[in-house]
Amino acid sequence: MSARTRLRIAAIAFVVIGAIGSVGTATMLAPDWRAAHGGGVTGTFTLTEPMSCDRREPPRQRCGWFGDFRGDDGRTVRRDMELADGLPPGAAVGDTLAARDTGSRTQIYPVDDVRTWRTSAAFFAGFTGAFLIGLLLLEPWRWRRRSNGGLGSVRAPE
């Protein structure tokens, strides 16, 4: 396999992975951004199940949490959602905290969360960068020129 062929395969991989990753992270970035800027429905999040705890012993142990959200409006109820950004050490099943639902499929945000969007934005930038690098390596703007023999090519009269 020639170096040119390997470069094209790598470029196509960058475009595909970058496009899929950009779309995926954009769907996470939008609710993260709304949460950081006060959007969505406020309410109460009740912790129901810890997940992915670190190796420290309680009460210093930090965990991600699943729980149930109930909006202040009385209409919004979301069960088995993940709490974005974790909690300080010492949280326990049954604890409640002020939270915000911004329409994410998986996450509820602490009401004072202002930084979760940064992680999603960094991933979005990385995937978008991979997509653009792939496009630059593929040079799609030159494909028509190659297939037609060039833009300025002149055909002999028949």
N, C-alpha and C. Protein backbone atom coordinates (compact mmCIF):
# COMPACT_ATOMS: atom_id res chain seq x y z
N MET A 1 0.85 -1.17 0.00
CA MET A 1 0.00 0.00 0.00
C MET A 1 0.90 1.24 0.00
N SER A 2 0.62 2.16 -0.88
CA SER A 2 1.44 3.35 -1.00
C SER A 2 1.18 4.32 0.14
N ALA A 3 2.11 5.23 0.32
CA ALA A 3 1.97 6.26 1.36
C ALA A 3 0.76 7.15 1.07
N ARG A 4 0.51 7.40 -0.19
CA ARG A 4 -0.64 8.24 -0.57
C ARG A 4 -1.97 7.57 -0.19
N THR A 5 -2.06 6.26 -0.41
CA THR A 5 -3.26 5.51 -0.06
C THR A 5 -3.46 5.49 1.46
N ARG A 6 -2.39 5.27 2.21
CA ARG A 6 -2.49 5.29 3.67
C ARG A 6 -2.93 6.67 4.17
N LEU A 7 -2.42 7.72 3.55
CA LEU A 7 -2.81 9.08 3.93
C LEU A 7 -4.30 9.31 3.66
N ARG A 8 -4.80 8.83 2.53
CA ARG A 8 -6.23 8.97 2.22
C ARG A 8 -7.09 8.20 3.21
N ILE A 9 -6.67 7.00 3.57
CA ILE A 9 -7.44 6.21 4.54
C ILE A 9 -7.46 6.93 5.89
N ALA A 10 -6.32 7.45 6.30
CA ALA A 10 -6.26 8.19 7.57
C ALA A 10 -7.14 9.44 7.49
N ALA A 11 -7.11 10.14 6.37
CA ALA A 11 -7.91 11.35 6.20
C ALA A 11 -9.40 11.03 6.27
N ILE A 12 -9.81 9.94 5.62
CA ILE A 12 -11.22 9.53 5.65
C ILE A 12 -11.62 9.18 7.09
N ALA A 13 -10.75 8.49 7.82
CA ALA A 13 -11.03 8.16 9.22
C ALA A 13 -11.20 9.43 10.05
N PHE A 14 -10.33 10.41 9.82
CA PHE A 14 -10.43 11.69 10.54
C PHE A 14 -11.76 12.37 10.25
N VAL A 15 -12.17 12.37 8.99
CA VAL A 15 -13.43 13.02 8.62
C VAL A 15 -14.61 12.31 9.28
N VAL A 16 -14.64 10.98 9.19
CA VAL A 16 -15.77 10.22 9.74
C VAL A 16 -15.83 10.35 11.26
N ILE A 17 -14.71 10.10 11.92
CA ILE A 17 -14.68 10.19 13.39
C ILE A 17 -14.96 11.62 13.84
N GLY A 18 -14.36 12.59 13.16
CA GLY A 18 -14.58 14.00 13.51
C GLY A 18 -16.03 14.42 13.34
N ALA A 19 -16.67 13.97 12.26
CA ALA A 19 -18.07 14.34 12.01
C ALA A 19 -18.98 13.71 13.06
N ILE A 20 -18.82 12.42 13.31
CA ILE A 20 -19.66 11.75 14.30
C ILE A 20 -19.44 12.34 15.69
N GLY A 21 -18.17 12.55 16.06
CA GLY A 21 -17.86 13.12 17.36
C GLY A 21 -18.38 14.53 17.53
N SER A 22 -18.28 15.35 16.48
CA SER A 22 -18.77 16.73 16.55
C SER A 22 -20.28 16.77 16.77
N VAL A 23 -21.01 15.94 16.04
CA VAL A 23 -22.46 15.91 16.21
C VAL A 23 -22.81 15.41 17.60
N GLY A 24 -22.15 14.35 18.05
CA GLY A 24 -22.42 13.80 19.38
C GLY A 24 -22.13 14.78 20.50
N THR A 25 -20.99 15.45 20.43
CA THR A 25 -20.66 16.39 21.50
C THR A 25 -21.50 17.66 21.42
N ALA A 26 -21.95 18.02 20.23
CA ALA A 26 -22.84 19.19 20.12
C ALA A 26 -24.15 18.93 20.85
N THR A 27 -24.63 17.68 20.81
CA THR A 27 -25.87 17.37 21.52
C THR A 27 -25.66 17.41 23.04
N MET A 28 -24.43 17.25 23.50
CA MET A 28 -24.15 17.38 24.93
C MET A 28 -23.84 18.83 25.30
N LEU A 29 -23.22 19.54 24.40
CA LEU A 29 -22.80 20.91 24.67
C LEU A 29 -23.99 21.86 24.85
N ALA A 30 -25.04 21.68 24.06
CA ALA A 30 -26.18 22.60 24.14
C ALA A 30 -26.83 22.60 25.53
N PRO A 31 -27.19 21.43 26.11
CA PRO A 31 -27.77 21.48 27.47
C PRO A 31 -26.76 21.93 28.52
N ASP A 32 -25.48 21.58 28.35
CA ASP A 32 -24.46 22.04 29.29
C ASP A 32 -24.38 23.56 29.30
N TRP A 33 -24.43 24.14 28.12
CA TRP A 33 -24.36 25.61 27.99
C TRP A 33 -25.58 26.26 28.64
N ARG A 34 -26.78 25.70 28.37
CA ARG A 34 -28.00 26.25 28.98
C ARG A 34 -27.93 26.20 30.50
N ALA A 35 -27.41 25.09 31.04
CA ALA A 35 -27.29 24.96 32.51
C ALA A 35 -26.36 26.02 33.07
N ALA A 36 -25.24 26.25 32.41
CA ALA A 36 -24.26 27.22 32.90
C ALA A 36 -24.79 28.64 32.84
N HIS A 37 -25.78 28.89 31.99
CA HIS A 37 -26.30 30.23 31.82
C HIS A 37 -27.73 30.39 32.34
N GLY A 38 -28.13 29.50 33.27
CA GLY A 38 -29.39 29.66 33.97
C GLY A 38 -30.63 29.21 33.25
N GLY A 39 -30.49 28.43 32.18
CA GLY A 39 -31.67 27.97 31.45
C GLY A 39 -32.28 26.74 32.08
N GLY A 40 -33.44 26.34 31.59
CA GLY A 40 -34.07 25.11 32.03
C GLY A 40 -34.98 25.29 33.23
N VAL A 41 -35.39 24.17 33.78
CA VAL A 41 -36.32 24.11 34.91
C VAL A 41 -35.54 23.81 36.18
N THR A 42 -35.76 24.61 37.21
CA THR A 42 -35.10 24.34 38.49
C THR A 42 -35.97 23.42 39.32
N GLY A 43 -35.33 22.72 40.25
CA GLY A 43 -36.06 21.80 41.09
C GLY A 43 -35.13 21.12 42.08
N THR A 44 -35.48 19.89 42.46
CA THR A 44 -34.73 19.13 43.46
C THR A 44 -34.29 17.81 42.87
N PHE A 45 -33.04 17.45 43.12
CA PHE A 45 -32.49 16.17 42.68
C PHE A 45 -32.25 15.32 43.92
N THR A 46 -32.82 14.13 43.94
CA THR A 46 -32.66 13.21 45.07
C THR A 46 -31.72 12.09 44.66
N LEU A 47 -30.65 11.91 45.40
CA LEU A 47 -29.65 10.88 45.09
C LEU A 47 -30.22 9.50 45.37
N THR A 48 -30.10 8.60 44.38
CA THR A 48 -30.63 7.24 44.57
C THR A 48 -29.57 6.16 44.47
N GLU A 49 -28.48 6.41 43.70
CA GLU A 49 -27.48 5.35 43.50
C GLU A 49 -26.14 5.95 43.12
N PRO A 50 -25.07 5.60 43.87
CA PRO A 50 -23.74 6.08 43.48
C PRO A 50 -23.20 5.27 42.29
N MET A 51 -22.31 5.89 41.54
CA MET A 51 -21.65 5.20 40.43
C MET A 51 -20.23 5.70 40.31
N SER A 52 -19.36 4.89 39.81
CA SER A 52 -17.98 5.28 39.51
C SER A 52 -17.30 6.00 40.67
N CYS A 53 -17.30 5.42 41.83
CA CYS A 53 -16.66 6.04 42.98
C CYS A 53 -15.14 5.89 42.88
N ASP A 54 -14.42 6.88 43.41
CA ASP A 54 -12.96 6.78 43.43
C ASP A 54 -12.53 5.83 44.55
N ARG A 55 -11.24 5.63 44.72
CA ARG A 55 -10.72 4.63 45.66
C ARG A 55 -10.63 5.10 47.11
N ARG A 56 -10.93 6.34 47.37
CA ARG A 56 -10.86 6.83 48.74
C ARG A 56 -11.98 6.22 49.58
N GLU A 57 -11.73 6.15 50.86
CA GLU A 57 -12.75 5.65 51.79
C GLU A 57 -13.71 6.79 52.15
N PRO A 58 -15.00 6.46 52.40
CA PRO A 58 -15.91 7.50 52.88
C PRO A 58 -15.39 8.08 54.18
N PRO A 59 -15.56 9.31 54.47
CA PRO A 59 -16.40 10.31 53.80
C PRO A 59 -15.65 11.10 52.73
N ARG A 60 -14.37 10.79 52.44
CA ARG A 60 -13.62 11.56 51.42
C ARG A 60 -13.91 11.06 50.01
N GLN A 61 -14.57 9.94 49.88
CA GLN A 61 -14.82 9.33 48.59
C GLN A 61 -15.73 10.21 47.73
N ARG A 62 -15.40 10.32 46.45
CA ARG A 62 -16.23 11.07 45.49
C ARG A 62 -16.85 10.08 44.51
N CYS A 63 -18.10 10.27 44.22
CA CYS A 63 -18.82 9.39 43.30
C CYS A 63 -19.63 10.23 42.32
N GLY A 64 -19.92 9.63 41.18
CA GLY A 64 -20.97 10.15 40.33
C GLY A 64 -22.28 9.64 40.92
N TRP A 65 -23.39 10.27 40.57
CA TRP A 65 -24.67 9.86 41.17
C TRP A 65 -25.78 9.78 40.14
N PHE A 66 -26.64 8.79 40.35
CA PHE A 66 -27.92 8.72 39.66
C PHE A 66 -28.97 9.18 40.65
N GLY A 67 -30.06 9.68 40.12
CA GLY A 67 -31.14 10.11 41.00
C GLY A 67 -32.37 10.53 40.23
N ASP A 68 -33.29 11.08 40.98
CA ASP A 68 -34.57 11.52 40.42
C ASP A 68 -34.71 13.03 40.58
N PHE A 69 -35.19 13.67 39.53
CA PHE A 69 -35.38 15.12 39.51
C PHE A 69 -36.86 15.43 39.55
N ARG A 70 -37.23 16.40 40.38
CA ARG A 70 -38.60 16.90 40.42
C ARG A 70 -38.53 18.42 40.30
N GLY A 71 -39.14 18.95 39.25
CA GLY A 71 -39.11 20.39 39.00
C GLY A 71 -39.97 21.18 39.96
N ASP A 72 -39.58 22.43 40.19
CA ASP A 72 -40.36 23.34 41.03
C ASP A 72 -41.74 23.61 40.44
N ASP A 73 -41.86 23.43 39.10
CA ASP A 73 -43.14 23.67 38.43
C ASP A 73 -44.16 22.56 38.71
N GLY A 74 -43.71 21.44 39.31
CA GLY A 74 -44.60 20.32 39.63
C GLY A 74 -44.91 19.42 38.45
N ARG A 75 -44.56 19.82 37.24
CA ARG A 75 -44.85 19.03 36.04
C ARG A 75 -43.65 18.21 35.59
N THR A 76 -42.45 18.69 35.85
CA THR A 76 -41.25 18.04 35.34
C THR A 76 -40.75 17.00 36.34
N VAL A 77 -40.76 15.73 35.92
CA VAL A 77 -40.22 14.64 36.72
C VAL A 77 -39.34 13.80 35.80
N ARG A 78 -38.08 13.62 36.18
CA ARG A 78 -37.14 12.81 35.39
C ARG A 78 -36.50 11.80 36.33
N ARG A 79 -36.65 10.54 36.03
CA ARG A 79 -36.13 9.47 36.88
C ARG A 79 -34.85 8.87 36.30
N ASP A 80 -34.01 8.35 37.19
CA ASP A 80 -32.76 7.66 36.81
C ASP A 80 -31.87 8.51 35.92
N MET A 81 -31.68 9.75 36.31
CA MET A 81 -30.80 10.66 35.58
C MET A 81 -29.45 10.73 36.30
N GLU A 82 -28.43 11.11 35.55
CA GLU A 82 -27.10 11.27 36.13
C GLU A 82 -26.89 12.72 36.54
N LEU A 83 -26.26 12.91 37.69
CA LEU A 83 -25.94 14.26 38.13
C LEU A 83 -24.64 14.69 37.48
N ALA A 84 -24.65 15.79 36.76
CA ALA A 84 -23.45 16.31 36.11
C ALA A 84 -22.48 16.85 37.16
N ASP A 85 -21.21 16.63 36.94
CA ASP A 85 -20.14 17.25 37.73
C ASP A 85 -19.96 16.67 39.13
N GLY A 86 -20.65 15.60 39.50
CA GLY A 86 -20.43 14.94 40.79
C GLY A 86 -20.78 15.82 41.98
N LEU A 87 -20.47 15.30 43.15
CA LEU A 87 -20.76 15.99 44.40
C LEU A 87 -19.52 16.04 45.28
N PRO A 88 -19.51 16.94 46.25
CA PRO A 88 -18.42 16.92 47.20
C PRO A 88 -18.47 15.64 48.02
N PRO A 89 -17.37 15.28 48.69
CA PRO A 89 -17.33 14.05 49.50
C PRO A 89 -18.43 14.02 50.55
N GLY A 90 -18.85 12.80 50.87
CA GLY A 90 -19.80 12.62 51.96
C GLY A 90 -21.25 12.54 51.57
N ALA A 91 -21.58 12.58 50.28
CA ALA A 91 -22.98 12.49 49.86
C ALA A 91 -23.48 11.07 50.11
N ALA A 92 -24.79 10.94 50.35
CA ALA A 92 -25.38 9.64 50.64
C ALA A 92 -26.73 9.51 49.94
N VAL A 93 -27.14 8.26 49.73
CA VAL A 93 -28.44 7.98 49.14
C VAL A 93 -29.52 8.69 49.96
N GLY A 94 -30.43 9.36 49.26
CA GLY A 94 -31.51 10.08 49.91
C GLY A 94 -31.25 11.57 50.06
N ASP A 95 -29.99 11.99 49.96
CA ASP A 95 -29.68 13.43 50.03
C ASP A 95 -30.33 14.14 48.85
N THR A 96 -30.68 15.40 49.04
CA THR A 96 -31.25 16.20 47.96
C THR A 96 -30.43 17.46 47.76
N LEU A 97 -30.50 18.00 46.56
CA LEU A 97 -29.84 19.27 46.27
C LEU A 97 -30.61 20.02 45.20
N ALA A 98 -30.42 21.32 45.19
CA ALA A 98 -31.05 22.15 44.17
C ALA A 98 -30.41 21.81 42.83
N ALA A 99 -31.24 21.65 41.80
CA ALA A 99 -30.74 21.21 40.51
C ALA A 99 -31.51 21.87 39.37
N ARG A 100 -31.03 21.60 38.15
CA ARG A 100 -31.61 22.22 36.96
C ARG A 100 -31.70 21.18 35.85
N ASP A 101 -32.84 21.10 35.19
CA ASP A 101 -33.04 20.23 34.03
C ASP A 101 -33.07 21.12 32.78
N THR A 102 -32.14 20.85 31.86
CA THR A 102 -32.09 21.66 30.64
C THR A 102 -32.43 20.85 29.40
N GLY A 103 -32.98 19.66 29.59
CA GLY A 103 -33.39 18.87 28.44
C GLY A 103 -32.37 17.84 27.99
N SER A 104 -31.27 17.67 28.71
CA SER A 104 -30.30 16.63 28.37
C SER A 104 -30.97 15.27 28.47
N ARG A 105 -30.58 14.36 27.59
CA ARG A 105 -31.14 13.01 27.64
C ARG A 105 -30.68 12.24 28.86
N THR A 106 -29.52 12.61 29.42
CA THR A 106 -28.94 11.80 30.49
C THR A 106 -28.62 12.55 31.77
N GLN A 107 -28.50 13.87 31.73
CA GLN A 107 -27.96 14.57 32.89
C GLN A 107 -28.88 15.65 33.45
N ILE A 108 -28.75 15.81 34.77
CA ILE A 108 -29.34 16.92 35.51
C ILE A 108 -28.15 17.68 36.10
N TYR A 109 -28.26 18.99 36.19
CA TYR A 109 -27.12 19.83 36.61
C TYR A 109 -27.37 20.46 37.97
N PRO A 110 -26.34 20.53 38.82
CA PRO A 110 -26.50 21.32 40.05
C PRO A 110 -26.89 22.74 39.66
N VAL A 111 -27.71 23.38 40.46
CA VAL A 111 -28.24 24.70 40.10
C VAL A 111 -27.13 25.74 39.96
N ASP A 112 -26.00 25.54 40.64
CA ASP A 112 -24.90 26.51 40.56
C ASP A 112 -23.79 26.07 39.59
N ASP A 113 -24.05 25.09 38.73
CA ASP A 113 -23.04 24.59 37.79
C ASP A 113 -22.76 25.64 36.71
N VAL A 114 -21.51 26.04 36.61
CA VAL A 114 -21.13 27.00 35.57
C VAL A 114 -19.95 26.50 34.74
N ARG A 115 -19.48 25.27 34.98
CA ARG A 115 -18.27 24.84 34.27
C ARG A 115 -18.38 23.56 33.47
N THR A 116 -19.45 22.79 33.59
CA THR A 116 -19.56 21.51 32.89
C THR A 116 -19.45 21.71 31.38
N TRP A 117 -19.95 22.81 30.85
CA TRP A 117 -19.93 23.05 29.41
C TRP A 117 -18.51 23.09 28.86
N ARG A 118 -17.54 23.41 29.67
CA ARG A 118 -16.16 23.53 29.18
C ARG A 118 -15.62 22.19 28.69
N THR A 119 -15.93 21.11 29.38
CA THR A 119 -15.47 19.79 28.94
C THR A 119 -16.10 19.43 27.61
N SER A 120 -17.40 19.63 27.49
CA SER A 120 -18.08 19.34 26.23
C SER A 120 -17.54 20.21 25.10
N ALA A 121 -17.26 21.46 25.40
CA ALA A 121 -16.71 22.37 24.38
C ALA A 121 -15.33 21.92 23.93
N ALA A 122 -14.51 21.44 24.86
CA ALA A 122 -13.18 20.95 24.50
C ALA A 122 -13.27 19.73 23.59
N PHE A 123 -14.16 18.80 23.91
CA PHE A 123 -14.34 17.63 23.05
C PHE A 123 -14.89 18.04 21.68
N PHE A 124 -15.84 18.97 21.67
CA PHE A 124 -16.39 19.46 20.41
C PHE A 124 -15.29 20.08 19.55
N ALA A 125 -14.45 20.89 20.16
CA ALA A 125 -13.34 21.50 19.42
C ALA A 125 -12.38 20.45 18.89
N GLY A 126 -12.08 19.44 19.69
CA GLY A 126 -11.18 18.38 19.25
C GLY A 126 -11.73 17.59 18.07
N PHE A 127 -12.99 17.19 18.15
CA PHE A 127 -13.60 16.45 17.05
C PHE A 127 -13.74 17.30 15.80
N THR A 128 -14.09 18.57 15.98
CA THR A 128 -14.20 19.46 14.83
C THR A 128 -12.83 19.66 14.19
N GLY A 129 -11.79 19.77 15.01
CA GLY A 129 -10.43 19.88 14.49
C GLY A 129 -10.03 18.64 13.69
N ALA A 130 -10.37 17.46 14.19
CA ALA A 130 -10.07 16.22 13.47
C ALA A 130 -10.79 16.20 12.12
N PHE A 131 -12.04 16.63 12.12
CA PHE A 131 -12.82 16.69 10.88
C PHE A 131 -12.15 17.62 9.87
N LEU A 132 -11.74 18.80 10.33
CA LEU A 132 -11.11 19.77 9.42
C LEU A 132 -9.76 19.30 8.92
N ILE A 133 -8.98 18.65 9.77
CA ILE A 133 -7.69 18.10 9.33
C ILE A 133 -7.92 17.04 8.26
N GLY A 134 -8.92 16.19 8.48
CA GLY A 134 -9.25 15.18 7.47
C GLY A 134 -9.62 15.81 6.14
N LEU A 135 -10.42 16.87 6.18
CA LEU A 135 -10.80 17.56 4.94
C LEU A 135 -9.58 18.17 4.25
N LEU A 136 -8.70 18.77 5.04
CA LEU A 136 -7.50 19.36 4.44
C LEU A 136 -6.64 18.30 3.78
N LEU A 137 -6.54 17.14 4.38
CA LEU A 137 -5.74 16.06 3.80
C LEU A 137 -6.39 15.48 2.55
N LEU A 138 -7.71 15.43 2.51
CA LEU A 138 -8.41 14.89 1.35
C LEU A 138 -8.45 15.86 0.17
N GLU A 139 -8.42 17.15 0.45
CA GLU A 139 -8.46 18.20 -0.58
C GLU A 139 -9.63 18.01 -1.56
N PRO A 140 -10.87 17.99 -1.06
CA PRO A 140 -12.00 17.74 -1.95
C PRO A 140 -12.19 18.82 -3.01
N TRP A 141 -11.69 20.01 -2.78
CA TRP A 141 -11.81 21.09 -3.76
C TRP A 141 -10.99 20.80 -5.02
N ARG A 142 -10.09 19.83 -4.97
CA ARG A 142 -9.28 19.48 -6.14
C ARG A 142 -9.84 18.30 -6.89
N TRP A 143 -10.85 17.62 -6.39
CA TRP A 143 -11.37 16.42 -7.03
C TRP A 143 -11.93 16.70 -8.41
N ARG A 144 -12.67 17.75 -8.57
CA ARG A 144 -13.28 18.07 -9.87
C ARG A 144 -12.20 18.36 -10.90
N ARG A 145 -11.19 19.08 -10.47
CA ARG A 145 -10.10 19.41 -11.37
C ARG A 145 -9.40 18.16 -11.86
N ARG A 146 -9.16 17.22 -10.95
CA ARG A 146 -8.49 15.97 -11.33
C ARG A 146 -9.34 15.15 -12.28
N SER A 147 -10.63 15.05 -12.02
CA SER A 147 -11.49 14.20 -12.83
C SER A 147 -11.77 14.79 -14.21
N ASN A 148 -11.74 16.11 -14.33
CA ASN A 148 -12.01 16.76 -15.62
C ASN A 148 -10.74 17.10 -16.38
N GLY A 149 -9.61 16.77 -15.85
CA GLY A 149 -8.36 17.11 -16.52
C GLY A 149 -7.94 18.54 -16.26
N GLY A 150 -8.51 19.17 -15.27
CA GLY A 150 -8.14 20.54 -14.92
C GLY A 150 -9.21 21.51 -15.36
N LEU A 151 -9.27 22.65 -14.68
CA LEU A 151 -10.29 23.64 -14.99
C LEU A 151 -10.04 24.33 -16.32
N GLY A 152 -8.80 24.53 -16.63
CA GLY A 152 -8.48 25.26 -17.84
C GLY A 152 -8.17 24.37 -19.03
N SER A 153 -8.53 23.10 -18.93
CA SER A 153 -8.17 22.21 -20.02
C SER A 153 -9.02 22.52 -21.27
N VAL A 154 -8.40 22.40 -22.39
CA VAL A 154 -9.07 22.69 -23.65
C VAL A 154 -9.18 21.39 -24.43
N ARG A 155 -10.35 21.11 -24.91
CA ARG A 155 -10.55 19.90 -25.69
C ARG A 155 -10.41 20.23 -27.17
N ALA A 156 -9.87 19.32 -27.86
CA ALA A 156 -9.70 19.51 -29.30
C ALA A 156 -11.07 19.41 -29.97
N PRO A 157 -11.31 20.24 -30.96
CA PRO A 157 -12.59 20.17 -31.67
C PRO A 157 -12.73 18.84 -32.40
N GLU A 158 -13.95 18.36 -32.52
CA GLU A 158 -14.18 17.07 -33.17
C GLU A 158 -14.56 17.23 -34.58
